Structure formats: structure tokens, C-alpha cells
Amino acid sequence: MKRGMIDFWVGLFAVASAAALLFLALKVSSNNTMASGTSYELVANFENIGGLKVRAPIKSAGVVVGRVSAIELDPERYVARVRMAMDERYRFSRDSSAEILTSGLLGEQYIGLTPGADDKMLKSGDTFKITSSAIVLEQLISRFLFSKAEEGGNDAKPEAGNAK
């Protein structure tokens, strides 16, 4: 009987742990940053979005002001068109800029907004005119290696006046 009671409590603990993990997973996945519940849509075009994903945060001064709602390829210009659901409480001027940034060295990517100084604000459906694409780590490394290889080839030339 004692073994049966231990098995019961272990099983109860396992079920409670699984239920707690499921609750936390659902709570985190349905995290809604739109406190007011209403939003408006802005669009930004990028040449390269890197690893940006739908539902990625949009931040200004470190504060989440929206989420990426859709990512699609513009069939005419062959750039990534990113649609953003912005919290109604936050408005940005027409000369604001959007850039794709990374949290830490290899963290998640998000869109960072830098406010401008124009008096006129972006309205729902407007497009950011100033954008900066994602920095792809692999491209940076290859550029660095190729530039070092070119420098090494130029330094290998023998100098004529130093022979003894």
C-alpha cells in the first residue's frame, strides 16, 4: 500500500507540472501588447529581412509599440513588404525610420523605429520612406575574410631596395 501511495503522489505531481507548463505556454503565446485593443497598419519595404518573423515586436526606445502582422514579397520591386499592426496610442511622423535590429549578437530580430521631427503623422496604410535592412552575420564575415585576403595578397610583394 505504501508503494501505491508514492506512485499516486508522483503521478499527481507530474500531471500538475504538465498543466502548469501548458498554462504558461498558452499565457506567453497569447501575450497581447496592444493594451488599448485597437491598432492601425503601417508598411515598410526592406531589401533583406534576415530572420524577421510574423509577430516579431516593433519597438521604439525599447518599448513595444506594435507587432509584425504580415511579410510578403513585392512582385514588382522584389523587396520584402512588412505590414505592421501598431498600437493606436503611438503615432509616428512621416520622416520616421524603420530598421531591422537583432536582440544581442544572435537573438531574435525585431523592427526598431526612430521617430522623426515632421509635424504630419503617418496614417493607417502609409509606408515608411526611410528603412534599413537586416545585417546578415554571414555576409559580414565573408566581406571581412575577402578584404583580409586582398590585403594579404598586396603585402606579399618583394621590395627591391632591401637586398643585402
N, C-alpha and C. Protein backbone atom coordinates (compact mmCIF):
# COMPACT_ATOMS: atom_id res chain seq x y z
N MET A 1 0.82 -1.20 0.00
CA MET A 1 0.00 0.00 0.00
C MET A 1 0.86 1.26 0.00
N LYS A 2 2.02 1.20 0.67
CA LYS A 2 2.88 2.35 0.73
C LYS A 2 3.41 2.71 -0.65
N ARG A 3 3.78 1.72 -1.45
CA ARG A 3 4.28 1.95 -2.81
C ARG A 3 3.20 2.58 -3.69
N GLY A 4 1.98 2.15 -3.53
CA GLY A 4 0.87 2.70 -4.29
C GLY A 4 0.62 4.17 -3.97
N MET A 5 0.79 4.56 -2.71
CA MET A 5 0.59 5.95 -2.31
C MET A 5 1.69 6.84 -2.89
N ILE A 6 2.91 6.37 -2.92
CA ILE A 6 4.02 7.14 -3.51
C ILE A 6 3.79 7.32 -5.00
N ASP A 7 3.37 6.25 -5.67
CA ASP A 7 3.08 6.34 -7.10
C ASP A 7 1.96 7.35 -7.37
N PHE A 8 0.94 7.37 -6.52
CA PHE A 8 -0.15 8.31 -6.67
C PHE A 8 0.36 9.75 -6.58
N TRP A 9 1.16 10.07 -5.58
CA TRP A 9 1.65 11.44 -5.39
C TRP A 9 2.61 11.84 -6.51
N VAL A 10 3.43 10.93 -6.97
CA VAL A 10 4.33 11.23 -8.09
C VAL A 10 3.51 11.50 -9.35
N GLY A 11 2.51 10.70 -9.60
CA GLY A 11 1.64 10.92 -10.76
C GLY A 11 0.89 12.23 -10.67
N LEU A 12 0.40 12.56 -9.48
CA LEU A 12 -0.31 13.82 -9.28
C LEU A 12 0.62 15.01 -9.52
N PHE A 13 1.85 14.90 -9.04
CA PHE A 13 2.83 15.96 -9.25
C PHE A 13 3.16 16.11 -10.74
N ALA A 14 3.29 15.00 -11.46
CA ALA A 14 3.59 15.05 -12.90
C ALA A 14 2.44 15.69 -13.67
N VAL A 15 1.21 15.37 -13.34
CA VAL A 15 0.06 15.95 -14.02
C VAL A 15 -0.03 17.45 -13.71
N ALA A 16 0.19 17.83 -12.45
CA ALA A 16 0.15 19.25 -12.08
C ALA A 16 1.26 20.03 -12.79
N SER A 17 2.44 19.45 -12.91
CA SER A 17 3.54 20.11 -13.61
C SER A 17 3.23 20.30 -15.09
N ALA A 18 2.68 19.28 -15.71
CA ALA A 18 2.31 19.39 -17.13
C ALA A 18 1.24 20.46 -17.33
N ALA A 19 0.25 20.51 -16.43
CA ALA A 19 -0.80 21.52 -16.53
C ALA A 19 -0.22 22.93 -16.36
N ALA A 20 0.72 23.09 -15.43
CA ALA A 20 1.34 24.40 -15.20
C ALA A 20 2.15 24.83 -16.43
N LEU A 21 2.90 23.91 -17.03
CA LEU A 21 3.67 24.23 -18.23
C LEU A 21 2.75 24.60 -19.39
N LEU A 22 1.65 23.88 -19.55
CA LEU A 22 0.70 24.20 -20.61
C LEU A 22 0.08 25.58 -20.39
N PHE A 23 -0.27 25.89 -19.15
CA PHE A 23 -0.83 27.20 -18.83
C PHE A 23 0.17 28.31 -19.16
N LEU A 24 1.42 28.14 -18.77
CA LEU A 24 2.45 29.15 -19.05
C LEU A 24 2.68 29.31 -20.55
N ALA A 25 2.71 28.21 -21.28
CA ALA A 25 2.92 28.29 -22.72
C ALA A 25 1.77 29.04 -23.40
N LEU A 26 0.56 28.78 -23.00
CA LEU A 26 -0.59 29.48 -23.59
C LEU A 26 -0.59 30.95 -23.19
N LYS A 27 -0.21 31.25 -21.97
CA LYS A 27 -0.18 32.64 -21.49
C LYS A 27 0.87 33.44 -22.25
N VAL A 28 2.05 32.87 -22.48
CA VAL A 28 3.12 33.57 -23.20
C VAL A 28 2.77 33.74 -24.67
N SER A 29 2.21 32.71 -25.30
CA SER A 29 1.92 32.78 -26.73
C SER A 29 0.79 33.74 -27.05
N SER A 30 -0.12 33.97 -26.11
CA SER A 30 -1.21 34.89 -26.38
C SER A 30 -0.94 36.26 -25.77
N ASN A 31 0.30 36.57 -25.51
CA ASN A 31 0.66 37.86 -24.94
C ASN A 31 0.29 38.97 -25.91
N ASN A 32 -0.63 39.81 -25.50
CA ASN A 32 -1.12 40.89 -26.36
C ASN A 32 -0.52 42.20 -25.90
N THR A 33 0.29 42.83 -26.76
CA THR A 33 0.94 44.08 -26.38
C THR A 33 0.05 45.28 -26.66
N MET A 34 -1.05 45.10 -27.32
CA MET A 34 -1.95 46.20 -27.61
C MET A 34 -2.88 46.39 -26.42
N ALA A 35 -2.50 47.25 -25.51
CA ALA A 35 -3.29 47.46 -24.30
C ALA A 35 -4.65 48.07 -24.63
N SER A 36 -4.68 48.97 -25.59
CA SER A 36 -5.94 49.62 -25.92
C SER A 36 -6.83 48.74 -26.79
N GLY A 37 -6.27 47.71 -27.40
CA GLY A 37 -7.04 46.80 -28.22
C GLY A 37 -7.22 47.24 -29.65
N THR A 38 -7.00 48.51 -29.95
CA THR A 38 -7.14 49.00 -31.32
C THR A 38 -5.77 49.24 -31.92
N SER A 39 -5.69 49.04 -33.22
CA SER A 39 -4.41 49.23 -33.90
C SER A 39 -4.64 49.82 -35.29
N TYR A 40 -3.56 50.29 -35.87
CA TYR A 40 -3.59 50.75 -37.25
C TYR A 40 -2.41 50.12 -37.97
N GLU A 41 -2.46 50.09 -39.30
CA GLU A 41 -1.44 49.38 -40.07
C GLU A 41 -0.49 50.35 -40.74
N LEU A 42 0.81 50.04 -40.64
CA LEU A 42 1.85 50.73 -41.38
C LEU A 42 2.61 49.70 -42.20
N VAL A 43 3.29 50.16 -43.24
CA VAL A 43 4.03 49.27 -44.14
C VAL A 43 5.46 49.78 -44.26
N ALA A 44 6.41 48.84 -44.37
CA ALA A 44 7.81 49.18 -44.62
C ALA A 44 8.37 48.18 -45.62
N ASN A 45 9.18 48.67 -46.55
CA ASN A 45 9.82 47.81 -47.55
C ASN A 45 11.30 47.67 -47.22
N PHE A 46 11.79 46.42 -47.23
CA PHE A 46 13.18 46.13 -46.92
C PHE A 46 13.78 45.27 -48.03
N GLU A 47 15.06 45.50 -48.34
CA GLU A 47 15.74 44.65 -49.32
C GLU A 47 16.03 43.28 -48.75
N ASN A 48 16.27 43.19 -47.44
CA ASN A 48 16.56 41.91 -46.80
C ASN A 48 16.00 41.95 -45.39
N ILE A 49 15.14 40.99 -45.05
CA ILE A 49 14.56 40.97 -43.71
C ILE A 49 15.28 40.00 -42.79
N GLY A 50 16.28 39.28 -43.29
CA GLY A 50 17.01 38.34 -42.44
C GLY A 50 16.07 37.28 -41.88
N GLY A 51 16.05 37.15 -40.56
CA GLY A 51 15.21 36.15 -39.90
C GLY A 51 13.97 36.74 -39.25
N LEU A 52 13.53 37.90 -39.72
CA LEU A 52 12.34 38.53 -39.16
C LEU A 52 11.12 37.63 -39.40
N LYS A 53 10.28 37.52 -38.39
CA LYS A 53 9.11 36.65 -38.49
C LYS A 53 7.83 37.41 -38.15
N VAL A 54 6.72 36.86 -38.60
CA VAL A 54 5.42 37.41 -38.23
C VAL A 54 5.29 37.32 -36.71
N ARG A 55 4.68 38.34 -36.10
CA ARG A 55 4.52 38.51 -34.65
C ARG A 55 5.78 39.02 -33.97
N ALA A 56 6.82 39.34 -34.75
CA ALA A 56 8.02 39.94 -34.15
C ALA A 56 7.65 41.32 -33.59
N PRO A 57 8.29 41.71 -32.49
CA PRO A 57 7.94 43.01 -31.91
C PRO A 57 8.45 44.19 -32.73
N ILE A 58 7.75 45.29 -32.60
CA ILE A 58 8.18 46.57 -33.17
C ILE A 58 8.41 47.48 -31.97
N LYS A 59 9.64 48.00 -31.86
CA LYS A 59 10.00 48.78 -30.67
C LYS A 59 10.44 50.18 -31.05
N SER A 60 10.15 51.10 -30.15
CA SER A 60 10.67 52.45 -30.24
C SER A 60 11.16 52.81 -28.84
N ALA A 61 12.42 53.19 -28.72
CA ALA A 61 13.05 53.49 -27.43
C ALA A 61 12.94 52.30 -26.47
N GLY A 62 12.96 51.08 -27.00
CA GLY A 62 12.89 49.88 -26.19
C GLY A 62 11.49 49.45 -25.78
N VAL A 63 10.49 50.23 -26.14
CA VAL A 63 9.10 49.93 -25.77
C VAL A 63 8.41 49.28 -26.96
N VAL A 64 7.70 48.19 -26.71
CA VAL A 64 6.97 47.51 -27.78
C VAL A 64 5.76 48.36 -28.15
N VAL A 65 5.72 48.79 -29.42
CA VAL A 65 4.63 49.66 -29.90
C VAL A 65 3.79 48.97 -30.96
N GLY A 66 4.11 47.73 -31.30
CA GLY A 66 3.35 47.02 -32.31
C GLY A 66 3.94 45.65 -32.57
N ARG A 67 3.37 44.97 -33.55
CA ARG A 67 3.82 43.63 -33.96
C ARG A 67 3.79 43.53 -35.48
N VAL A 68 4.67 42.71 -36.03
CA VAL A 68 4.66 42.43 -37.46
C VAL A 68 3.43 41.56 -37.74
N SER A 69 2.58 42.01 -38.65
CA SER A 69 1.36 41.26 -38.93
C SER A 69 1.47 40.40 -40.20
N ALA A 70 2.30 40.80 -41.16
CA ALA A 70 2.45 40.01 -42.39
C ALA A 70 3.76 40.38 -43.07
N ILE A 71 4.33 39.40 -43.77
CA ILE A 71 5.53 39.61 -44.57
C ILE A 71 5.27 39.00 -45.94
N GLU A 72 5.49 39.79 -47.00
CA GLU A 72 5.27 39.28 -48.35
C GLU A 72 6.30 39.89 -49.30
N LEU A 73 6.46 39.27 -50.44
CA LEU A 73 7.38 39.76 -51.46
C LEU A 73 6.62 40.65 -52.44
N ASP A 74 7.13 41.86 -52.66
CA ASP A 74 6.53 42.76 -53.65
C ASP A 74 6.91 42.23 -55.03
N PRO A 75 5.94 41.79 -55.85
CA PRO A 75 6.25 41.17 -57.14
C PRO A 75 6.79 42.15 -58.19
N GLU A 76 6.64 43.44 -57.96
CA GLU A 76 7.13 44.42 -58.93
C GLU A 76 8.56 44.86 -58.63
N ARG A 77 8.86 45.12 -57.36
CA ARG A 77 10.18 45.64 -56.99
C ARG A 77 11.09 44.58 -56.37
N TYR A 78 10.56 43.40 -56.07
CA TYR A 78 11.30 42.30 -55.46
C TYR A 78 11.98 42.72 -54.16
N VAL A 79 11.20 43.35 -53.31
CA VAL A 79 11.61 43.67 -51.95
C VAL A 79 10.58 43.09 -50.99
N ALA A 80 10.99 42.90 -49.75
CA ALA A 80 10.08 42.37 -48.74
C ALA A 80 9.18 43.50 -48.23
N ARG A 81 7.89 43.28 -48.29
CA ARG A 81 6.92 44.25 -47.76
C ARG A 81 6.46 43.74 -46.40
N VAL A 82 6.73 44.52 -45.37
CA VAL A 82 6.39 44.13 -44.00
C VAL A 82 5.21 44.98 -43.54
N ARG A 83 4.14 44.32 -43.16
CA ARG A 83 2.96 45.02 -42.64
C ARG A 83 3.02 44.95 -41.11
N MET A 84 2.75 46.11 -40.49
CA MET A 84 2.89 46.21 -39.04
C MET A 84 1.59 46.67 -38.41
N ALA A 85 1.16 45.98 -37.38
CA ALA A 85 -0.01 46.40 -36.60
C ALA A 85 0.51 47.23 -35.43
N MET A 86 0.24 48.54 -35.49
CA MET A 86 0.76 49.47 -34.49
C MET A 86 -0.32 49.80 -33.47
N ASP A 87 0.08 49.91 -32.22
CA ASP A 87 -0.84 50.31 -31.16
C ASP A 87 -1.33 51.72 -31.43
N GLU A 88 -2.62 51.92 -31.32
CA GLU A 88 -3.25 53.20 -31.63
C GLU A 88 -2.70 54.35 -30.77
N ARG A 89 -2.18 54.02 -29.59
CA ARG A 89 -1.67 55.07 -28.70
C ARG A 89 -0.40 55.73 -29.21
N TYR A 90 0.32 55.05 -30.10
CA TYR A 90 1.61 55.55 -30.55
C TYR A 90 1.53 55.97 -32.01
N ARG A 91 1.85 57.24 -32.27
CA ARG A 91 1.85 57.78 -33.62
C ARG A 91 3.26 58.23 -33.97
N PHE A 92 3.64 58.05 -35.24
CA PHE A 92 4.98 58.40 -35.70
C PHE A 92 4.87 59.36 -36.87
N SER A 93 5.84 60.28 -36.95
CA SER A 93 5.82 61.28 -38.02
C SER A 93 6.23 60.65 -39.35
N ARG A 94 5.94 61.38 -40.43
CA ARG A 94 6.21 60.86 -41.78
C ARG A 94 7.69 60.63 -42.04
N ASP A 95 8.58 61.33 -41.35
CA ASP A 95 10.01 61.15 -41.60
C ASP A 95 10.66 60.19 -40.60
N SER A 96 9.85 59.39 -39.91
CA SER A 96 10.38 58.36 -39.02
C SER A 96 11.05 57.26 -39.85
N SER A 97 11.99 56.55 -39.24
CA SER A 97 12.67 55.48 -39.96
C SER A 97 12.44 54.14 -39.27
N ALA A 98 12.51 53.07 -40.06
CA ALA A 98 12.34 51.71 -39.56
C ALA A 98 13.57 50.90 -39.95
N GLU A 99 14.12 50.15 -39.00
CA GLU A 99 15.26 49.29 -39.31
C GLU A 99 15.10 47.96 -38.60
N ILE A 100 15.66 46.93 -39.20
CA ILE A 100 15.59 45.60 -38.61
C ILE A 100 16.82 45.43 -37.74
N LEU A 101 16.59 45.15 -36.47
CA LEU A 101 17.66 45.01 -35.49
C LEU A 101 17.62 43.62 -34.88
N THR A 102 18.67 43.27 -34.15
CA THR A 102 18.77 41.98 -33.51
C THR A 102 18.99 42.18 -32.01
N SER A 103 18.26 41.42 -31.20
CA SER A 103 18.47 41.45 -29.76
C SER A 103 19.73 40.65 -29.44
N GLY A 104 20.76 41.32 -28.98
CA GLY A 104 22.01 40.64 -28.70
C GLY A 104 22.73 40.27 -29.98
N LEU A 105 23.71 39.38 -29.88
CA LEU A 105 24.51 39.00 -31.05
C LEU A 105 23.75 38.06 -31.97
N LEU A 106 23.11 37.07 -31.41
CA LEU A 106 22.40 36.08 -32.22
C LEU A 106 20.94 35.93 -31.79
N GLY A 107 20.36 36.97 -31.20
CA GLY A 107 18.99 36.90 -30.70
C GLY A 107 17.95 37.08 -31.77
N GLU A 108 16.70 37.23 -31.32
CA GLU A 108 15.59 37.41 -32.24
C GLU A 108 15.67 38.76 -32.93
N GLN A 109 15.10 38.84 -34.10
CA GLN A 109 15.10 40.10 -34.83
C GLN A 109 13.77 40.82 -34.60
N TYR A 110 13.86 42.15 -34.59
CA TYR A 110 12.69 42.98 -34.40
C TYR A 110 12.85 44.24 -35.22
N ILE A 111 11.80 45.02 -35.33
CA ILE A 111 11.87 46.29 -36.06
C ILE A 111 11.99 47.41 -35.05
N GLY A 112 13.00 48.24 -35.24
CA GLY A 112 13.21 49.40 -34.39
C GLY A 112 12.78 50.65 -35.14
N LEU A 113 11.98 51.48 -34.50
CA LEU A 113 11.51 52.72 -35.11
C LEU A 113 12.21 53.90 -34.46
N THR A 114 12.69 54.81 -35.29
CA THR A 114 13.29 56.05 -34.82
C THR A 114 12.36 57.19 -35.23
N PRO A 115 11.81 57.91 -34.26
CA PRO A 115 10.88 58.98 -34.60
C PRO A 115 11.56 60.12 -35.33
N GLY A 116 10.81 60.76 -36.20
CA GLY A 116 11.31 61.92 -36.93
C GLY A 116 10.81 63.20 -36.29
N ALA A 117 10.96 64.30 -37.02
CA ALA A 117 10.59 65.61 -36.48
C ALA A 117 9.48 66.30 -37.26
N ASP A 118 8.93 65.61 -38.26
CA ASP A 118 7.87 66.21 -39.08
C ASP A 118 6.60 66.40 -38.25
N ASP A 119 5.83 67.43 -38.59
CA ASP A 119 4.57 67.69 -37.88
C ASP A 119 3.46 66.74 -38.32
N LYS A 120 3.53 66.24 -39.54
CA LYS A 120 2.49 65.36 -40.06
C LYS A 120 2.80 63.92 -39.67
N MET A 121 1.77 63.21 -39.25
CA MET A 121 1.93 61.84 -38.77
C MET A 121 1.54 60.83 -39.85
N LEU A 122 2.12 59.64 -39.75
CA LEU A 122 1.74 58.54 -40.63
C LEU A 122 0.32 58.11 -40.30
N LYS A 123 -0.46 57.84 -41.34
CA LYS A 123 -1.83 57.36 -41.16
C LYS A 123 -1.86 55.87 -41.49
N SER A 124 -2.95 55.24 -41.15
CA SER A 124 -3.11 53.82 -41.43
C SER A 124 -2.94 53.55 -42.92
N GLY A 125 -2.10 52.58 -43.25
CA GLY A 125 -1.82 52.22 -44.64
C GLY A 125 -0.61 52.92 -45.23
N ASP A 126 -0.05 53.92 -44.54
CA ASP A 126 1.13 54.64 -45.04
C ASP A 126 2.37 53.76 -44.98
N THR A 127 3.38 54.16 -45.76
CA THR A 127 4.63 53.41 -45.85
C THR A 127 5.79 54.25 -45.34
N PHE A 128 6.69 53.61 -44.59
CA PHE A 128 7.92 54.28 -44.15
C PHE A 128 8.80 54.54 -45.37
N LYS A 129 9.30 55.75 -45.49
CA LYS A 129 10.17 56.10 -46.61
C LYS A 129 11.63 55.73 -46.33
N ILE A 130 12.03 55.78 -45.06
CA ILE A 130 13.42 55.51 -44.68
C ILE A 130 13.47 54.17 -43.95
N THR A 131 14.16 53.19 -44.56
CA THR A 131 14.29 51.87 -43.94
C THR A 131 15.73 51.39 -44.04
N SER A 132 16.12 50.53 -43.12
CA SER A 132 17.43 49.87 -43.15
C SER A 132 17.21 48.37 -43.01
N SER A 133 17.77 47.61 -43.93
CA SER A 133 17.58 46.17 -43.93
C SER A 133 18.37 45.50 -42.81
N ALA A 134 18.11 44.22 -42.64
CA ALA A 134 18.79 43.43 -41.61
C ALA A 134 20.26 43.25 -41.98
N ILE A 135 21.09 43.21 -40.98
CA ILE A 135 22.50 42.90 -41.17
C ILE A 135 22.64 41.40 -41.02
N VAL A 136 23.12 40.75 -42.07
CA VAL A 136 23.26 39.30 -42.06
C VAL A 136 24.69 38.96 -41.65
N LEU A 137 24.84 38.24 -40.55
CA LEU A 137 26.15 37.95 -39.98
C LEU A 137 27.05 37.21 -40.96
N GLU A 138 26.50 36.30 -41.74
CA GLU A 138 27.31 35.54 -42.71
C GLU A 138 27.92 36.47 -43.76
N GLN A 139 27.13 37.46 -44.21
CA GLN A 139 27.66 38.41 -45.20
C GLN A 139 28.78 39.25 -44.62
N LEU A 140 28.64 39.68 -43.38
CA LEU A 140 29.70 40.46 -42.74
C LEU A 140 30.98 39.67 -42.62
N ILE A 141 30.87 38.41 -42.23
CA ILE A 141 32.05 37.56 -42.07
C ILE A 141 32.73 37.35 -43.42
N SER A 142 31.95 37.07 -44.47
CA SER A 142 32.56 36.84 -45.78
C SER A 142 33.23 38.10 -46.32
N ARG A 143 32.62 39.27 -46.11
CA ARG A 143 33.26 40.52 -46.54
C ARG A 143 34.57 40.75 -45.81
N PHE A 144 34.58 40.47 -44.51
CA PHE A 144 35.79 40.63 -43.71
C PHE A 144 36.89 39.70 -44.21
N LEU A 145 36.53 38.45 -44.45
CA LEU A 145 37.53 37.48 -44.91
C LEU A 145 38.07 37.83 -46.28
N PHE A 146 37.21 38.27 -47.20
CA PHE A 146 37.67 38.64 -48.53
C PHE A 146 38.55 39.88 -48.48
N SER A 147 38.24 40.84 -47.63
CA SER A 147 39.08 42.04 -47.53
C SER A 147 40.43 41.69 -46.94
N LYS A 148 40.49 40.79 -45.99
CA LYS A 148 41.76 40.36 -45.41
C LYS A 148 42.58 39.58 -46.44
N ALA A 149 41.92 38.79 -47.28
CA ALA A 149 42.62 38.03 -48.31
C ALA A 149 43.24 38.98 -49.32
N GLU A 150 42.53 40.06 -49.68
CA GLU A 150 43.08 41.04 -50.61
C GLU A 150 44.26 41.78 -50.01
N GLU A 151 44.19 42.12 -48.74
CA GLU A 151 45.30 42.79 -48.07
C GLU A 151 46.52 41.89 -48.02
N GLY A 152 46.32 40.63 -47.77
CA GLY A 152 47.42 39.67 -47.71
C GLY A 152 48.11 39.53 -49.06
N GLY A 153 47.36 39.59 -50.15
CA GLY A 153 47.94 39.50 -51.50
C GLY A 153 48.76 40.72 -51.84
N ASN A 154 48.41 41.88 -51.36
CA ASN A 154 49.16 43.11 -51.64
C ASN A 154 50.42 43.21 -50.81
N ASP A 155 50.44 42.64 -49.62
CA ASP A 155 51.60 42.71 -48.73
C ASP A 155 52.69 41.72 -49.12
N ALA A 156 52.41 40.77 -49.97
CA ALA A 156 53.37 39.73 -50.31
C ALA A 156 54.35 40.16 -51.39
N LYS A 157 54.28 41.36 -51.91
CA LYS A 157 55.19 41.81 -52.96
C LYS A 157 56.58 42.07 -52.39
N PRO A 158 57.65 41.56 -53.02
CA PRO A 158 59.00 41.81 -52.51
C PRO A 158 59.42 43.26 -52.84
N GLU A 159 60.20 43.83 -51.91
CA GLU A 159 60.70 45.18 -52.12
C GLU A 159 62.10 45.11 -52.72
N ALA A 160 62.40 45.96 -53.71
CA ALA A 160 63.64 45.86 -54.48
C ALA A 160 64.84 46.39 -53.74
N GLY A 161 64.75 47.39 -52.90
CA GLY A 161 65.91 48.05 -52.32
C GLY A 161 66.42 47.45 -51.02
N ASN A 162 65.87 46.34 -50.53
CA ASN A 162 66.25 45.82 -49.24
C ASN A 162 67.16 44.61 -49.33
N ALA A 163 67.65 44.21 -50.47
CA ALA A 163 68.52 43.02 -50.62
C ALA A 163 69.92 43.35 -50.15
N LYS A 164 70.56 42.48 -49.35
CA LYS A 164 71.92 42.71 -48.83
C LYS A 164 72.90 41.84 -49.51
